[in-house]
C-alpha atoms as a PDB file:
ATOM      1  CA  MET A   1       0.000   0.000   0.000  1.00  0.00           C
ATOM      2  CA  ILE A   2       1.228   3.487  -0.836  1.00  0.00           C
ATOM      3  CA  ASP A   3       2.125   5.851   1.983  1.00  0.00           C
ATOM      4  CA  PRO A   4      -0.548   8.624   2.133  1.00  0.00           C
ATOM      5  CA  ASP A   5       2.067  11.378   1.759  1.00  0.00           C
ATOM      6  CA  GLU A   6       3.655   9.657  -1.233  1.00  0.00           C
ATOM      7  CA  ARG A   7       0.189   9.137  -2.722  1.00  0.00           C
ATOM      8  CA  GLU A   8      -0.626  12.835  -2.415  1.00  0.00           C
ATOM      9  CA  THR A   9       2.714  13.770  -3.971  1.00  0.00           C
ATOM     10  CA  ARG A  10       2.006  11.466  -6.899  1.00  0.00           C
ATOM     11  CA  ILE A  11      -1.503  12.893  -7.305  1.00  0.00           C
ATOM     12  CA  GLN A  12      -0.154  16.448  -7.401  1.00  0.00           C
ATOM     13  CA  ALA A  13       2.499  15.446  -9.964  1.00  0.00           C
ATOM     14  CA  ALA A  14      -0.175  13.761 -12.120  1.00  0.00           C
ATOM     15  CA  LEU A  15      -2.357  16.873 -11.923  1.00  0.00           C
ATOM     16  CA  GLU A  16       0.534  19.024 -13.120  1.00  0.00           C
ATOM     17  CA  ARG A  17       1.100  16.684 -16.077  1.00  0.00           C
ATOM     18  CA  ILE A  18      -2.566  16.551 -17.125  1.00  0.00           C
ATOM     19  CA  ARG A  19      -3.591  20.153 -16.392  1.00  0.00           C
ATOM     20  CA  PRO A  20      -2.676  21.490 -19.883  1.00  0.00           C
ATOM     21  CA  ALA A  21      -4.702  18.776 -21.620  1.00  0.00           C
ATOM     22  CA  ALA A  22      -7.615  19.325 -19.225  1.00  0.00           C
ATOM     23  CA  GLU A  23      -7.639  23.069 -19.861  1.00  0.00           C
ATOM     24  CA  ASP A  24      -7.566  22.504 -23.632  1.00  0.00           C
ATOM     25  CA  SER A  25     -10.472  20.059 -23.391  1.00  0.00           C
ATOM     26  CA  LEU A  26     -12.508  22.350 -21.156  1.00  0.00           C
ATOM     27  CA  ARG A  27     -11.916  25.207 -23.569  1.00  0.00           C
ATOM     28  CA  GLU A  28     -13.057  23.014 -26.478  1.00  0.00           C
ATOM     29  CA  MET A  29     -16.200  22.008 -24.556  1.00  0.00           C
ATOM     30  CA  ALA A  30     -17.005  25.589 -23.576  1.00  0.00           C
ATOM     31  CA  GLU A  31     -16.623  26.770 -27.164  1.00  0.00           C
ATOM     32  CA  ALA A  32     -18.901  23.969 -28.377  1.00  0.00           C
ATOM     33  CA  VAL A  33     -21.585  24.912 -25.824  1.00  0.00           C
ATOM     34  CA  VAL A  34     -21.400  28.622 -26.594  1.00  0.00           C
ATOM     35  CA  ASP A  35     -21.410  28.161 -30.370  1.00  0.00           C
ATOM     36  CA  ARG A  36     -24.461  25.877 -30.555  1.00  0.00           C
ATOM     37  CA  PRO A  37     -27.991  27.116 -31.015  1.00  0.00           C
ATOM     38  CA  PRO A  38     -30.491  25.944 -28.378  1.00  0.00           C
ATOM     39  CA  SER A  39     -31.944  23.385 -30.793  1.00  0.00           C
ATOM     40  CA  GLU A  40     -28.608  21.487 -30.873  1.00  0.00           C
ATOM     41  CA  LEU A  41     -27.835  21.386 -27.158  1.00  0.00           C
ATOM     42  CA  PHE A  42     -28.797  17.740 -26.730  1.00  0.00           C
ATOM     43  CA  ARG A  43     -27.895  16.027 -29.995  1.00  0.00           C
ATOM     44  CA  SER A  44     -24.741  16.809 -31.913  1.00  0.00           C
ATOM     45  CA  LEU A  45     -23.375  18.769 -28.939  1.00  0.00           C
ATOM     46  CA  GLU A  46     -23.563  15.671 -26.767  1.00  0.00           C
ATOM     47  CA  VAL A  47     -21.486  13.741 -29.308  1.00  0.00           C
ATOM     48  CA  ASP A  48     -18.903  16.537 -29.485  1.00  0.00           C
ATOM     49  CA  LEU A  49     -18.679  16.724 -25.685  1.00  0.00           C
ATOM     50  CA  ARG A  50     -18.199  12.969 -25.454  1.00  0.00           C
ATOM     51  CA  ASP A  51     -15.444  13.146 -28.074  1.00  0.00           C
ATOM     52  CA  ALA A  52     -13.689  15.905 -26.117  1.00  0.00           C
ATOM     53  CA  ALA A  53     -13.984  13.895 -22.887  1.00  0.00           C
ATOM     54  CA  HIS A  54     -12.605  10.820 -24.649  1.00  0.00           C
ATOM     55  CA  ASP A  55      -9.667  12.843 -25.988  1.00  0.00           C
ATOM     56  CA  LEU A  56      -9.004  14.129 -22.479  1.00  0.00           C
ATOM     57  CA  ALA A  57      -9.052  10.603 -21.035  1.00  0.00           C
ATOM     58  CA  ALA A  58      -6.544   9.491 -23.673  1.00  0.00           C
ATOM     59  CA  ALA A  59      -4.316  12.493 -22.906  1.00  0.00           C
ATOM     60  CA  VAL A  60      -4.447  11.693 -19.177  1.00  0.00           C
ATOM     61  CA  GLN A  61      -3.389   8.108 -19.828  1.00  0.00           C
ATOM     62  CA  GLN A  62      -0.532   9.217 -22.087  1.00  0.00           C
ATOM     63  CA  ALA A  63       0.649  11.862 -19.618  1.00  0.00           C
ATOM     64  CA  GLU A  64       0.716   9.286 -16.830  1.00  0.00           C
ATOM     65  CA  ALA A  65       2.567   6.771 -18.986  1.00  0.00           C
ATOM     66  CA  ASP A  66       5.126   9.441 -19.922  1.00  0.00           C
ATOM     67  CA  GLY A  67       5.452  10.537 -16.299  1.00  0.00           C
ATOM     68  CA  ARG A  68       6.094   7.024 -15.098  1.00  0.00           C
ATOM     69  CA  LYS A  69       8.748   6.465 -17.746  1.00  0.00           C
ATOM     70  CA  LYS A  70      10.606   9.582 -16.632  1.00  0.00           C
ATOM     71  CA  GLY A  71      10.349   9.061 -12.888  1.00  0.00           C
ATOM     72  CA  ALA A  72       9.954   5.363 -12.423  1.00  0.00           C
ATOM     73  CA  THR A  73      13.395   4.800 -10.921  1.00  0.00           C
ATOM     74  CA  ARG A  74      14.028   6.700  -7.716  1.00  0.00           C
ATOM     75  CA  VAL A  75      17.560   5.462  -7.074  1.00  0.00           C
ATOM     76  CA  PRO A  76      20.164   4.003  -9.384  1.00  0.00           C
ATOM     77  CA  ALA A  77      19.890   0.285  -9.827  1.00  0.00           C
ATOM     78  CA  PRO A  78      22.534  -1.658  -7.925  1.00  0.00           C
ATOM     79  CA  SER A  79      25.440  -2.909  -9.961  1.00  0.00           C
ATOM     80  CA  ALA A  80      25.744  -6.574 -10.741  1.00  0.00           C
ATOM     81  CA  PRO A  81      27.614  -8.568  -8.116  1.00  0.00           C
ATOM     82  CA  THR A  82      31.287  -9.160  -8.767  1.00  0.00           C
ATOM     83  CA  ALA A  83      32.046 -12.570 -10.187  1.00  0.00           C
ATOM     84  CA  PRO A  84      34.133 -14.817  -7.933  1.00  0.00           C
ATOM     85  CA  SER A  85      37.766 -15.162  -8.886  1.00  0.00           C
ATOM     86  CA  THR A  86      38.662 -18.192 -10.942  1.00  0.00           C
ATOM     87  CA  HIS A  87      41.002 -20.887  -9.686  1.00  0.00           C
ATOM     88  CA  ALA A  88      44.344 -21.427 -11.333  1.00  0.00           C
ATOM     89  CA  SER A  89      43.978 -23.830 -14.202  1.00  0.00           C
ATOM     90  CA  THR A  90      45.464 -27.303 -14.017  1.00  0.00           C
ATOM     91  CA  PRO A  91      46.306 -29.513 -16.946  1.00  0.00           C
ATOM     92  CA  THR A  92      43.675 -32.115 -17.587  1.00  0.00           C
ATOM     93  CA  GLY A  93      45.779 -34.448 -19.647  1.00  0.00           C
ATOM     94  CA  ARG A  94      49.097 -35.500 -18.150  1.00  0.00           C
ATOM     95  CA  ALA A  95      51.773 -37.168 -20.129  1.00  0.00           C
ATOM     96  CA  THR A  96      52.625 -40.569 -18.803  1.00  0.00           C
ATOM     97  CA  SER A  97      56.244 -41.573 -18.713  1.00  0.00           C
END
């Protein structure tokens, strides 16, 4: 389970990543509402609003994926363990006299 403080930090970071996309989508929705005559408020407008919401959801997913790629590792990965030293070689075939 995530520590509550770490969770809040991650939420705030996610909000910062998605805020530009959210503002663009809200602007697009507001323009669509303002530009439509009253007779179109519940038909084609609904489809346009759903499309804008879908685009926002996709942008949120992409922003989170990008954010996790950039900040996924908090500390450098440990180096590989050192291999044990090898023993001195011995001849396997001895000449018989």
